[in-house]
PDB file of N, CA and C in Angstrom:
ATOM      1  N   MET A   1     111.740  91.550 104.768  1.00  0.00           N
ATOM      2  CA  MET A   1     112.607  92.512 105.417  1.00  0.00           C
ATOM      3  C   MET A   1     112.843  92.060 106.869  1.00  0.00           C
ATOM      4  N   ALA A   2     113.990  92.357 107.344  1.00  0.00           N
ATOM      5  CA  ALA A   2     114.376  92.054 108.742  1.00  0.00           C
ATOM      6  C   ALA A   2     113.707  93.071 109.661  1.00  0.00           C
ATOM      7  N   CYS A   3     113.408  92.649 110.899  1.00  0.00           N
ATOM      8  CA  CYS A   3     112.754  93.544 111.816  1.00  0.00           C
ATOM      9  C   CYS A   3     113.604  94.750 112.202  1.00  0.00           C
ATOM     10  N   ASP A   4     114.921  94.605 112.072  1.00  0.00           N
ATOM     11  CA  ASP A   4     115.780  95.752 112.471  1.00  0.00           C
ATOM     12  C   ASP A   4     116.132  96.595 111.245  1.00  0.00           C
ATOM     13  N   ASN A   5     115.516  96.367 110.117  1.00  0.00           N
ATOM     14  CA  ASN A   5     115.769  97.175 108.915  1.00  0.00           C
ATOM     15  C   ASN A   5     115.218  98.559 109.117  1.00  0.00           C
ATOM     16  N   PRO A   6     116.065  99.636 108.988  1.00  0.00           N
ATOM     17  CA  PRO A   6     115.532 100.985 109.218  1.00  0.00           C
ATOM     18  C   PRO A   6     114.536 101.469 108.174  1.00  0.00           C
ATOM     19  N   ASN A   7     114.458 100.732 107.080  1.00  0.00           N
ATOM     20  CA  ASN A   7     113.515 101.110 106.002  1.00  0.00           C
ATOM     21  C   ASN A   7     112.208 100.319 106.094  1.00  0.00           C
ATOM     22  N   GLN A   8     112.006  99.626 107.185  1.00  0.00           N
ATOM     23  CA  GLN A   8     110.798  98.789 107.340  1.00  0.00           C
ATOM     24  C   GLN A   8     109.606  99.705 107.514  1.00  0.00           C
ATOM     25  N   SER A   9     108.507  99.346 106.928  1.00  0.00           N
ATOM     26  CA  SER A   9     107.239 100.078 107.042  1.00  0.00           C
ATOM     27  C   SER A   9     106.648  99.888 108.437  1.00  0.00           C
ATOM     28  N   GLN A  10     105.779 100.751 108.864  1.00  0.00           N
ATOM     29  CA  GLN A  10     105.153 100.596 110.148  1.00  0.00           C
ATOM     30  C   GLN A  10     104.356  99.280 110.228  1.00  0.00           C
ATOM     31  N   ALA A  11     103.723  98.961 109.152  1.00  0.00           N
ATOM     32  CA  ALA A  11     102.999  97.647 109.095  1.00  0.00           C
ATOM     33  C   ALA A  11     103.951  96.494 109.251  1.00  0.00           C
ATOM     34  N   GLY A  12     105.117  96.582 108.675  1.00  0.00           N
ATOM     35  CA  GLY A  12     106.117  95.529 108.819  1.00  0.00           C
ATOM     36  C   GLY A  12     106.656  95.479 110.248  1.00  0.00           C
ATOM     37  N   LEU A  13     106.894  96.644 110.844  1.00  0.00           N
ATOM     38  CA  LEU A  13     107.359  96.702 112.235  1.00  0.00           C
ATOM     39  C   LEU A  13     106.284  96.106 113.182  1.00  0.00           C
ATOM     40  N   ASN A  14     105.029  96.450 112.907  1.00  0.00           N
ATOM     41  CA  ASN A  14     103.932  95.882 113.714  1.00  0.00           C
ATOM     42  C   ASN A  14     103.899  94.369 113.590  1.00  0.00           C
ATOM     43  N   GLN A  15     104.096  93.854 112.399  1.00  0.00           N
ATOM     44  CA  GLN A  15     104.063  92.369 112.194  1.00  0.00           C
ATOM     45  C   GLN A  15     105.236  91.730 112.871  1.00  0.00           C
ATOM     46  N   CYS A  16     106.447  92.325 112.759  1.00  0.00           N
ATOM     47  CA  CYS A  16     107.607  91.776 113.417  1.00  0.00           C
ATOM     48  C   CYS A  16     107.415  91.710 114.934  1.00  0.00           C
ATOM     49  N   ALA A  17     106.902  92.764 115.500  1.00  0.00           N
ATOM     50  CA  ALA A  17     106.658  92.819 116.963  1.00  0.00           C
ATOM     51  C   ALA A  17     105.622  91.798 117.357  1.00  0.00           C
ATOM     52  N   SER A  18     104.587  91.653 116.550  1.00  0.00           N
ATOM     53  CA  SER A  18     103.581  90.628 116.844  1.00  0.00           C
ATOM     54  C   SER A  18     104.144  89.248 116.751  1.00  0.00           C
ATOM     55  N   ASP A  19     104.985  88.981 115.751  1.00  0.00           N
ATOM     56  CA  ASP A  19     105.616  87.664 115.646  1.00  0.00           C
ATOM     57  C   ASP A  19     106.520  87.359 116.816  1.00  0.00           C
ATOM     58  N   SER A  20     107.229  88.395 117.264  1.00  0.00           N
ATOM     59  CA  SER A  20     108.152  88.159 118.388  1.00  0.00           C
ATOM     60  C   SER A  20     107.342  87.921 119.679  1.00  0.00           C
ATOM     61  N   ALA A  21     106.271  88.651 119.887  1.00  0.00           N
ATOM     62  CA  ALA A  21     105.404  88.429 121.011  1.00  0.00           C
ATOM     63  C   ALA A  21     104.763  87.011 120.967  1.00  0.00           C
ATOM     64  N   SER A  22     104.379  86.593 119.782  1.00  0.00           N
ATOM     65  CA  SER A  22     103.834  85.256 119.635  1.00  0.00           C
ATOM     66  C   SER A  22     104.880  84.157 119.946  1.00  0.00           C
ATOM     67  N   GLY A  23     106.114  84.423 119.587  1.00  0.00           N
ATOM     68  CA  GLY A  23     107.174  83.470 119.945  1.00  0.00           C
ATOM     69  C   GLY A  23     107.388  83.380 121.432  1.00  0.00           C
ATOM     70  N   ALA A  24     107.316  84.507 122.112  1.00  0.00           N
ATOM     71  CA  ALA A  24     107.420  84.486 123.525  1.00  0.00           C
ATOM     72  C   ALA A  24     106.251  83.757 124.200  1.00  0.00           C
ATOM     73  N   ASP A  25     105.061  83.959 123.656  1.00  0.00           N
ATOM     74  CA  ASP A  25     103.829  83.300 124.173  1.00  0.00           C
ATOM     75  C   ASP A  25     103.969  81.777 123.974  1.00  0.00           C
ATOM     76  N   ALA A  26     104.487  81.357 122.849  1.00  0.00           N
ATOM     77  CA  ALA A  26     104.665  79.903 122.630  1.00  0.00           C
ATOM     78  C   ALA A  26     105.678  79.330 123.627  1.00  0.00           C
ATOM     79  N   GLU A  27     106.744  80.099 123.879  1.00  0.00           N
ATOM     80  CA  GLU A  27     107.713  79.629 124.883  1.00  0.00           C
ATOM     81  C   GLU A  27     107.104  79.540 126.282  1.00  0.00           C
ATOM     82  N   LEU A  28     106.307  80.552 126.626  1.00  0.00           N
ATOM     83  CA  LEU A  28     105.602  80.531 127.924  1.00  0.00           C
ATOM     84  C   LEU A  28     104.734  79.310 128.035  1.00  0.00           C
ATOM     85  N   ASN A  29     103.944  79.003 126.974  1.00  0.00           N
ATOM     86  CA  ASN A  29     103.089  77.897 126.994  1.00  0.00           C
ATOM     87  C   ASN A  29     103.834  76.583 127.141  1.00  0.00           C
ATOM     88  N   ARG A  30     105.036  76.456 126.543  1.00  0.00           N
ATOM     89  CA  ARG A  30     105.868  75.252 126.696  1.00  0.00           C
ATOM     90  C   ARG A  30     106.289  75.060 128.118  1.00  0.00           C
ATOM     91  N   ILE A  31     106.815  76.139 128.748  1.00  0.00           N
ATOM     92  CA  ILE A  31     107.350  75.994 130.119  1.00  0.00           C
ATOM     93  C   ILE A  31     106.182  75.753 131.081  1.00  0.00           C
ATOM     94  N   TYR A  32     105.018  76.400 130.841  1.00  0.00           N
ATOM     95  CA  TYR A  32     103.848  76.181 131.643  1.00  0.00           C
ATOM     96  C   TYR A  32     103.440  74.716 131.636  1.00  0.00           C
ATOM     97  N   ALA A  33     103.429  74.118 130.420  1.00  0.00           N
ATOM     98  CA  ALA A  33     103.090  72.700 130.285  1.00  0.00           C
ATOM     99  C   ALA A  33     104.100  71.840 131.007  1.00  0.00           C
ATOM    100  N   LYS A  34     105.360  72.215 130.928  1.00  0.00           N
ATOM    101  CA  LYS A  34     106.394  71.412 131.640  1.00  0.00           C
ATOM    102  C   LYS A  34     106.202  71.447 133.154  1.00  0.00           C
ATOM    103  N   VAL A  35     105.853  72.597 133.669  1.00  0.00           N
ATOM    104  CA  VAL A  35     105.616  72.700 135.134  1.00  0.00           C
ATOM    105  C   VAL A  35     104.389  71.879 135.485  1.00  0.00           C
ATOM    106  N   LEU A  36     103.369  71.955 134.684  1.00  0.00           N
ATOM    107  CA  LEU A  36     102.186  71.123 134.946  1.00  0.00           C
ATOM    108  C   LEU A  36     102.518  69.632 134.945  1.00  0.00           C
ATOM    109  N   ALA A  37     103.295  69.201 133.954  1.00  0.00           N
ATOM    110  CA  ALA A  37     103.668  67.764 133.831  1.00  0.00           C
ATOM    111  C   ALA A  37     104.561  67.345 134.970  1.00  0.00           C
ATOM    112  N   ALA A  38     105.479  68.201 135.338  1.00  0.00           N
ATOM    113  CA  ALA A  38     106.379  67.855 136.473  1.00  0.00           C
ATOM    114  C   ALA A  38     105.697  67.729 137.763  1.00  0.00           C
ATOM    115  N   ASN A  39     104.524  68.329 137.904  1.00  0.00           N
ATOM    116  CA  ASN A  39     103.816  68.347 139.201  1.00  0.00           C
ATOM    117  C   ASN A  39     102.433  67.679 139.042  1.00  0.00           C
ATOM    118  N   ALA A  40     102.310  66.771 138.081  1.00  0.00           N
ATOM    119  CA  ALA A  40     101.042  66.169 137.772  1.00  0.00           C
ATOM    120  C   ALA A  40     100.357  65.434 138.943  1.00  0.00           C
ATOM    121  N   ASN A  41     101.138  65.023 139.890  1.00  0.00           N
ATOM    122  CA  ASN A  41     100.590  64.268 141.019  1.00  0.00           C
ATOM    123  C   ASN A  41     100.236  65.153 142.234  1.00  0.00           C
ATOM    124  N   ASP A  42     100.429  66.462 142.120  1.00  0.00           N
ATOM    125  CA  ASP A  42     100.191  67.347 143.259  1.00  0.00           C
ATOM    126  C   ASP A  42      99.036  68.292 142.906  1.00  0.00           C
ATOM    127  N   LYS A  43      97.805  67.802 143.192  1.00  0.00           N
ATOM    128  CA  LYS A  43      96.590  68.541 142.822  1.00  0.00           C
ATOM    129  C   LYS A  43      96.494  69.886 143.507  1.00  0.00           C
ATOM    130  N   VAL A  44      96.921  69.966 144.758  1.00  0.00           N
ATOM    131  CA  VAL A  44      96.853  71.243 145.493  1.00  0.00           C
ATOM    132  C   VAL A  44      97.787  72.245 144.755  1.00  0.00           C
ATOM    133  N   PHE A  45      99.011  71.846 144.422  1.00  0.00           N
ATOM    134  CA  PHE A  45      99.875  72.759 143.735  1.00  0.00           C
ATOM    135  C   PHE A  45      99.285  73.137 142.416  1.00  0.00           C
ATOM    136  N   LEU A  46      98.829  72.148 141.641  1.00  0.00           N
ATOM    137  CA  LEU A  46      98.287  72.467 140.300  1.00  0.00           C
ATOM    138  C   LEU A  46      97.140  73.451 140.340  1.00  0.00           C
ATOM    139  N   ASP A  47      96.221  73.319 141.280  1.00  0.00           N
ATOM    140  CA  ASP A  47      95.134  74.237 141.434  1.00  0.00           C
ATOM    141  C   ASP A  47      95.624  75.633 141.676  1.00  0.00           C
ATOM    142  N   LYS A  48      96.582  75.769 142.574  1.00  0.00           N
ATOM    143  CA  LYS A  48      97.120  77.099 142.963  1.00  0.00           C
ATOM    144  C   LYS A  48      97.966  77.658 141.816  1.00  0.00           C
ATOM    145  N   PHE A  49      98.739  76.834 141.180  1.00  0.00           N
ATOM    146  CA  PHE A  49      99.598  77.258 140.068  1.00  0.00           C
ATOM    147  C   PHE A  49      98.712  77.761 138.894  1.00  0.00           C
ATOM    148  N   LYS A  50      97.659  77.005 138.581  1.00  0.00           N
ATOM    149  CA  LYS A  50      96.777  77.467 137.491  1.00  0.00           C
ATOM    150  C   LYS A  50      96.075  78.756 137.856  1.00  0.00           C
ATOM    151  N   ALA A  51      95.664  78.901 139.101  1.00  0.00           N
ATOM    152  CA  ALA A  51      95.028  80.178 139.571  1.00  0.00           C
ATOM    153  C   ALA A  51      96.011  81.330 139.443  1.00  0.00           C
ATOM    154  N   ALA A  52      97.268  81.061 139.817  1.00  0.00           N
ATOM    155  CA  ALA A  52      98.304  82.105 139.658  1.00  0.00           C
ATOM    156  C   ALA A  52      98.466  82.519 138.223  1.00  0.00           C
ATOM    157  N   GLN A  53      98.507  81.561 137.294  1.00  0.00           N
ATOM    158  CA  GLN A  53      98.670  81.849 135.918  1.00  0.00           C
ATOM    159  C   GLN A  53      97.487  82.619 135.353  1.00  0.00           C
ATOM    160  N   ARG A  54      96.273  82.226 135.733  1.00  0.00           N
ATOM    161  CA  ARG A  54      95.101  82.993 135.290  1.00  0.00           C
ATOM    162  C   ARG A  54      95.164  84.433 135.821  1.00  0.00           C
ATOM    163  N   ALA A  55      95.579  84.604 137.058  1.00  0.00           N
ATOM    164  CA  ALA A  55      95.731  85.952 137.625  1.00  0.00           C
ATOM    165  C   ALA A  55      96.807  86.755 136.912  1.00  0.00           C
ATOM    166  N   TRP A  56      97.882  86.081 136.548  1.00  0.00           N
ATOM    167  CA  TRP A  56      98.963  86.753 135.828  1.00  0.00           C
ATOM    168  C   TRP A  56      98.480  87.263 134.470  1.00  0.00           C
ATOM    169  N   ILE A  57      97.651  86.456 133.778  1.00  0.00           N
ATOM    170  CA  ILE A  57      97.126  86.872 132.484  1.00  0.00           C
ATOM    171  C   ILE A  57      96.240  88.106 132.643  1.00  0.00           C
ATOM    172  N   VAL A  58      95.423  88.126 133.670  1.00  0.00           N
ATOM    173  CA  VAL A  58      94.623  89.338 133.949  1.00  0.00           C
ATOM    174  C   VAL A  58      95.545  90.532 134.177  1.00  0.00           C
ATOM    175  N   PHE A  59      96.587  90.335 134.984  1.00  0.00           N
ATOM    176  CA  PHE A  59      97.503  91.406 135.269  1.00  0.00           C
ATOM    177  C   PHE A  59      98.170  91.872 133.996  1.00  0.00           C
ATOM    178  N   ARG A  60      98.648  90.950 133.174  1.00  0.00           N
ATOM    179  CA  ARG A  60      99.371  91.308 131.936  1.00  0.00           C
ATOM    180  C   ARG A  60      98.471  92.157 131.060  1.00  0.00           C
ATOM    181  N   ASP A  61      97.241  91.726 130.877  1.00  0.00           N
ATOM    182  CA  ASP A  61      96.331  92.484 130.012  1.00  0.00           C
ATOM    183  C   ASP A  61      96.017  93.865 130.587  1.00  0.00           C
ATOM    184  N   ALA A  62      95.834  93.940 131.936  1.00  0.00           N
ATOM    185  CA  ALA A  62      95.535  95.226 132.577  1.00  0.00           C
ATOM    186  C   ALA A  62      96.784  96.129 132.511  1.00  0.00           C
ATOM    187  N   GLN A  63      97.972  95.571 132.642  1.00  0.00           N
ATOM    188  CA  GLN A  63      99.208  96.343 132.548  1.00  0.00           C
ATOM    189  C   GLN A  63      99.353  96.970 131.191  1.00  0.00           C
ATOM    190  N   ILE A  64      99.066  96.217 130.134  1.00  0.00           N
ATOM    191  CA  ILE A  64      99.163  96.718 128.795  1.00  0.00           C
ATOM    192  C   ILE A  64      98.125  97.848 128.572  1.00  0.00           C
ATOM    193  N   ALA A  65      96.914  97.585 129.054  1.00  0.00           N
ATOM    194  CA  ALA A  65      95.850  98.607 128.938  1.00  0.00           C
ATOM    195  C   ALA A  65      96.219  99.872 129.669  1.00  0.00           C
ATOM    196  N   ALA A  66      96.852  99.741 130.837  1.00  0.00           N
ATOM    197  CA  ALA A  66      97.253 100.928 131.610  1.00  0.00           C
ATOM    198  C   ALA A  66      98.384 101.682 130.942  1.00  0.00           C
ATOM    199  N   ARG A  67      99.239 100.916 130.282  1.00  0.00           N
ATOM    200  CA  ARG A  67     100.402 101.542 129.632  1.00  0.00           C
ATOM    201  C   ARG A  67      99.968 102.339 128.417  1.00  0.00           C
ATOM    202  N   TYR A  68      98.930 101.872 127.748  1.00  0.00           N
ATOM    203  CA  TYR A  68      98.425 102.540 126.537  1.00  0.00           C
ATOM    204  C   TYR A  68      96.909 102.809 126.723  1.00  0.00           C
ATOM    205  N   PRO A  69      96.548 103.700 127.644  1.00  0.00           N
ATOM    206  CA  PRO A  69      95.181 103.877 128.026  1.00  0.00           C
ATOM    207  C   PRO A  69      94.248 104.513 126.971  1.00  0.00           C
ATOM    208  N   SER A  70      94.775 105.276 126.082  1.00  0.00           N
ATOM    209  CA  SER A  70      94.004 105.931 125.009  1.00  0.00           C
ATOM    210  C   SER A  70      94.518 105.505 123.663  1.00  0.00           C
ATOM    211  N   PRO A  71      94.058 104.395 123.153  1.00  0.00           N
ATOM    212  CA  PRO A  71      94.598 103.860 121.911  1.00  0.00           C
ATOM    213  C   PRO A  71      94.737 104.865 120.770  1.00  0.00           C
ATOM    214  N   ALA A  72      93.784 105.768 120.623  1.00  0.00           N
ATOM    215  CA  ALA A  72      93.786 106.739 119.569  1.00  0.00           C
ATOM    216  C   ALA A  72      95.050 107.672 119.609  1.00  0.00           C
ATOM    217  N   ASP A  73      95.627 107.799 120.816  1.00  0.00           N
ATOM    218  CA  ASP A  73      96.786 108.643 120.913  1.00  0.00           C
ATOM    219  C   ASP A  73      98.045 108.114 120.330  1.00  0.00           C
ATOM    220  N   TYR A  74      98.044 106.859 119.947  1.00  0.00           N
ATOM    221  CA  TYR A  74      99.301 106.188 119.534  1.00  0.00           C
ATOM    222  C   TYR A  74      99.308 105.893 118.038  1.00  0.00           C
ATOM    223  N   GLY A  75      98.203 106.008 117.379  1.00  0.00           N
ATOM    224  CA  GLY A  75      98.182 105.802 115.939  1.00  0.00           C
ATOM    225  C   GLY A  75      98.658 104.441 115.507  1.00  0.00           C
ATOM    226  N   SER A  76      99.391 104.461 114.395  1.00  0.00           N
ATOM    227  CA  SER A  76      99.759 103.204 113.748  1.00  0.00           C
ATOM    228  C   SER A  76     100.846 102.418 114.486  1.00  0.00           C
ATOM    229  N   VAL A  77     101.507 103.082 115.492  1.00  0.00           N
ATOM    230  CA  VAL A  77     102.550 102.371 116.242  1.00  0.00           C
ATOM    231  C   VAL A  77     101.977 101.560 117.428  1.00  0.00           C
ATOM    232  N   LEU A  78     100.710 101.749 117.723  1.00  0.00           N
ATOM    233  CA  LEU A  78     100.111 101.055 118.885  1.00  0.00           C
ATOM    234  C   LEU A  78     100.306  99.578 118.819  1.00  0.00           C
ATOM    235  N   PRO A  79     100.017  98.851 117.691  1.00  0.00           N
ATOM    236  CA  PRO A  79     100.217  97.415 117.718  1.00  0.00           C
ATOM    237  C   PRO A  79     101.692  96.982 118.041  1.00  0.00           C
ATOM    238  N   MET A  80     102.606  97.774 117.538  1.00  0.00           N
ATOM    239  CA  MET A  80     104.024  97.448 117.828  1.00  0.00           C
ATOM    240  C   MET A  80     104.339  97.668 119.305  1.00  0.00           C
ATOM    241  N   CYS A  81     103.823  98.749 119.839  1.00  0.00           N
ATOM    242  CA  CYS A  81     104.104  99.087 121.252  1.00  0.00           C
ATOM    243  C   CYS A  81     103.438  98.030 122.175  1.00  0.00           C
ATOM    244  N   GLU A  82     102.199  97.707 121.877  1.00  0.00           N
ATOM    245  CA  GLU A  82     101.494  96.699 122.726  1.00  0.00           C
ATOM    246  C   GLU A  82     102.162  95.373 122.616  1.00  0.00           C
ATOM    247  N   SER A  83     102.577  94.973 121.435  1.00  0.00           N
ATOM    248  CA  SER A  83     103.285  93.680 121.242  1.00  0.00           C
ATOM    249  C   SER A  83     104.584  93.673 122.034  1.00  0.00           C
ATOM    250  N   GLY A  84     105.298  94.813 122.039  1.00  0.00           N
ATOM    251  CA  GLY A  84     106.561  94.892 122.777  1.00  0.00           C
ATOM    252  C   GLY A  84     106.339  94.768 124.258  1.00  0.00           C
ATOM    253  N   GLU A  85     105.317  95.407 124.803  1.00  0.00           N
ATOM    254  CA  GLU A  85     104.988  95.231 126.230  1.00  0.00           C
ATOM    255  C   GLU A  85     104.559  93.850 126.527  1.00  0.00           C
ATOM    256  N   TYR A  86     103.750  93.273 125.656  1.00  0.00           N
ATOM    257  CA  TYR A  86     103.312  91.867 125.833  1.00  0.00           C
ATOM    258  C   TYR A  86     104.504  90.954 125.890  1.00  0.00           C
ATOM    259  N   GLU A  87     105.448  91.123 124.999  1.00  0.00           N
ATOM    260  CA  GLU A  87     106.619  90.271 124.969  1.00  0.00           C
ATOM    261  C   GLU A  87     107.448  90.453 126.214  1.00  0.00           C
ATOM    262  N   LEU A  88     107.667  91.692 126.640  1.00  0.00           N
ATOM    263  CA  LEU A  88     108.431  91.995 127.851  1.00  0.00           C
ATOM    264  C   LEU A  88     107.847  91.273 129.092  1.00  0.00           C
ATOM    265  N   LEU A  89     106.561  91.484 129.259  1.00  0.00           N
ATOM    266  CA  LEU A  89     105.887  90.895 130.407  1.00  0.00           C
ATOM    267  C   LEU A  89     105.899  89.328 130.321  1.00  0.00           C
ATOM    268  N   THR A  90     105.755  88.825 129.143  1.00  0.00           N
ATOM    269  CA  THR A  90     105.764  87.368 128.924  1.00  0.00           C
ATOM    270  C   THR A  90     107.133  86.787 129.194  1.00  0.00           C
ATOM    271  N   ARG A  91     108.169  87.469 128.799  1.00  0.00           N
ATOM    272  CA  ARG A  91     109.533  86.939 129.067  1.00  0.00           C
ATOM    273  C   ARG A  91     109.835  87.022 130.561  1.00  0.00           C
ATOM    274  N   ASP A  92     109.333  88.001 131.245  1.00  0.00           N
ATOM    275  CA  ASP A  92     109.488  88.080 132.689  1.00  0.00           C
ATOM    276  C   ASP A  92     108.750  86.893 133.369  1.00  0.00           C
ATOM    277  N   ARG A  93     107.585  86.565 132.874  1.00  0.00           N
ATOM    278  CA  ARG A  93     106.825  85.441 133.396  1.00  0.00           C
ATOM    279  C   ARG A  93     107.559  84.120 133.101  1.00  0.00           C
ATOM    280  N   ILE A  94     108.144  83.984 131.947  1.00  0.00           N
ATOM    281  CA  ILE A  94     108.884  82.809 131.608  1.00  0.00           C
ATOM    282  C   ILE A  94     110.016  82.572 132.650  1.00  0.00           C
ATOM    283  N   LYS A  95     110.721  83.621 133.023  1.00  0.00           N
ATOM    284  CA  LYS A  95     111.756  83.533 134.036  1.00  0.00           C
ATOM    285  C   LYS A  95     111.173  83.017 135.346  1.00  0.00           C
ATOM    286  N   GLN A  96     110.011  83.552 135.713  1.00  0.00           N
ATOM    287  CA  GLN A  96     109.382  83.117 136.933  1.00  0.00           C
ATOM    288  C   GLN A  96     109.014  81.666 136.856  1.00  0.00           C
ATOM    289  N   LEU A  97     108.406  81.193 135.827  1.00  0.00           N
ATOM    290  CA  LEU A  97     107.985  79.804 135.686  1.00  0.00           C
ATOM    291  C   LEU A  97     109.170  78.861 135.609  1.00  0.00           C
ATOM    292  N   ASN A  98     110.245  79.333 135.046  1.00  0.00           N
ATOM    293  CA  ASN A  98     111.455  78.465 134.966  1.00  0.00           C
ATOM    294  C   ASN A  98     111.980  78.126 136.361  1.00  0.00           C
ATOM    295  N   GLU A  99     111.644  78.884 137.338  1.00  0.00           N
ATOM    296  CA  GLU A  99     112.111  78.550 138.738  1.00  0.00           C
ATOM    297  C   GLU A  99     111.527  77.193 139.189  1.00  0.00           C
ATOM    298  N   TRP A 100     110.314  76.882 138.670  1.00  0.00           N
ATOM    299  CA  TRP A 100     109.740  75.603 139.042  1.00  0.00           C
ATOM    300  C   TRP A 100     110.431  74.430 138.365  1.00  0.00           C
ATOM    301  N   MET A 101     111.166  74.721 137.313  1.00  0.00           N
ATOM    302  CA  MET A 101     111.855  73.651 136.620  1.00  0.00           C
ATOM    303  C   MET A 101     113.345  73.632 137.076  1.00  0.00           C
ATOM    304  N   ALA A 102     113.949  74.779 137.308  1.00  0.00           N
ATOM    305  CA  ALA A 102     115.340  74.855 137.676  1.00  0.00           C
ATOM    306  C   ALA A 102     115.530  74.459 139.139  1.00  0.00           C
ATOM    307  N   GLY A 103     114.581  74.752 139.968  1.00  0.00           N
ATOM    308  CA  GLY A 103     114.718  74.404 141.398  1.00  0.00           C
ATOM    309  C   GLY A 103     115.577  75.386 142.159  1.00  0.00           C
ATOM    310  N   THR A 104     115.894  75.035 143.338  1.00  0.00           N
ATOM    311  CA  THR A 104     116.683  75.874 144.248  1.00  0.00           C
ATOM    312  C   THR A 104     117.658  74.977 144.985  1.00  0.00           C
ATOM    313  N   GLN A 105     118.509  75.620 145.731  1.00  0.00           N
ATOM    314  CA  GLN A 105     119.512  74.886 146.478  1.00  0.00           C
ATOM    315  C   GLN A 105     118.936  74.263 147.740  1.00  0.00           C
ATOM    316  N   GLU A 106     119.421  73.100 148.061  1.00  0.00           N
ATOM    317  CA  GLU A 106     118.975  72.440 149.295  1.00  0.00           C
ATOM    318  C   GLU A 106     119.255  73.364 150.449  1.00  0.00           C
ATOM    319  N   GLY A 107     118.356  73.426 151.395  1.00  0.00           N
ATOM    320  CA  GLY A 107     118.558  74.262 152.563  1.00  0.00           C
ATOM    321  C   GLY A 107     117.855  75.638 152.436  1.00  0.00           C
ATOM    322  N   ASP A 108     117.317  75.946 151.257  1.00  0.00           N
ATOM    323  CA  ASP A 108     116.594  77.211 151.062  1.00  0.00           C
ATOM    324  C   ASP A 108     115.252  77.018 151.756  1.00  0.00           C
ATOM    325  N   VAL A 109     115.136  77.629 152.935  1.00  0.00           N
ATOM    326  CA  VAL A 109     113.944  77.398 153.745  1.00  0.00           C
ATOM    327  C   VAL A 109     112.701  78.112 153.185  1.00  0.00           C
ATOM    328  N   CYS A 110     112.922  79.008 152.213  1.00  0.00           N
ATOM    329  CA  CYS A 110     111.804  79.739 151.617  1.00  0.00           C
ATOM    330  C   CYS A 110     111.540  79.223 150.180  1.00  0.00           C
ATOM    331  N   ALA A 111     112.008  78.046 149.840  1.00  0.00           N
ATOM    332  CA  ALA A 111     111.843  77.538 148.479  1.00  0.00           C
ATOM    333  C   ALA A 111     110.416  77.231 148.153  1.00  0.00           C
ATOM    334  N   GLY A 112     109.609  77.042 149.104  1.00  0.00           N
ATOM    335  CA  GLY A 112     108.197  76.741 148.827  1.00  0.00           C
ATOM    336  C   GLY A 112     108.020  75.518 147.962  1.00  0.00           C
ATOM    337  N   SER A 113     107.320  75.704 146.846  1.00  0.00           N
ATOM    338  CA  SER A 113     107.057  74.557 145.943  1.00  0.00           C
ATOM    339  C   SER A 113     108.128  74.394 144.890  1.00  0.00           C
ATOM    340  N   TYR A 114     109.151  75.216 144.871  1.00  0.00           N
ATOM    341  CA  TYR A 114     110.263  75.002 143.967  1.00  0.00           C
ATOM    342  C   TYR A 114     110.976  73.744 144.335  1.00  0.00           C
ATOM    343  N   PRO A 115     111.273  72.888 143.342  1.00  0.00           N
ATOM    344  CA  PRO A 115     111.970  71.652 143.648  1.00  0.00           C
ATOM    345  C   PRO A 115     113.423  71.919 144.143  1.00  0.00           C
ATOM    346  N   MET A 116     113.980  71.035 144.911  1.00  0.00           N
ATOM    347  CA  MET A 116     115.316  71.165 145.337  1.00  0.00           C
ATOM    348  C   MET A 116     116.266  70.711 144.226  1.00  0.00           C
ATOM    349  N   ASN A 117     117.154  71.544 143.803  1.00  0.00           N
ATOM    350  CA  ASN A 117     118.183  71.195 142.793  1.00  0.00           C
ATOM    351  C   ASN A 117     117.566  70.655 141.529  1.00  0.00           C
ATOM    352  N   GLY A 118     116.391  71.175 141.123  1.00  0.00           N
ATOM    353  CA  GLY A 118     115.766  70.769 139.910  1.00  0.00           C
ATOM    354  C   GLY A 118     115.107  69.377 139.922  1.00  0.00           C
ATOM    355  N   GLN A 119     114.972  68.779 141.131  1.00  0.00           N
ATOM    356  CA  GLN A 119     114.367  67.496 141.170  1.00  0.00           C
ATOM    357  C   GLN A 119     112.886  67.526 141.165  1.00  0.00           C
TER     358      GLN A 119
END
């Protein structure tokens, strides 16, 4: 059954949401690895970038827990809801990490560690 099928069971909806969240997580891991590879010679950046990613994971998990603080209140839809929030936060993080690959325009004095024009 397709995820947008109105006759989908809750178990099916939960699985679809989980699969979608897993796809976002795989995409995040790919872009994370690209940023690491592109900056392999900059130990200071790598240490700080890895620390930022670890902190983001803690934030993501805490955000989901805060969004759904009493799991028993949500019943069988909880896995779908948590997966949806996980995917949303992960896609936002993908956008953030892509900045290290896309770069910024020359002359951006606040570019920090973003490469100039994707270099």
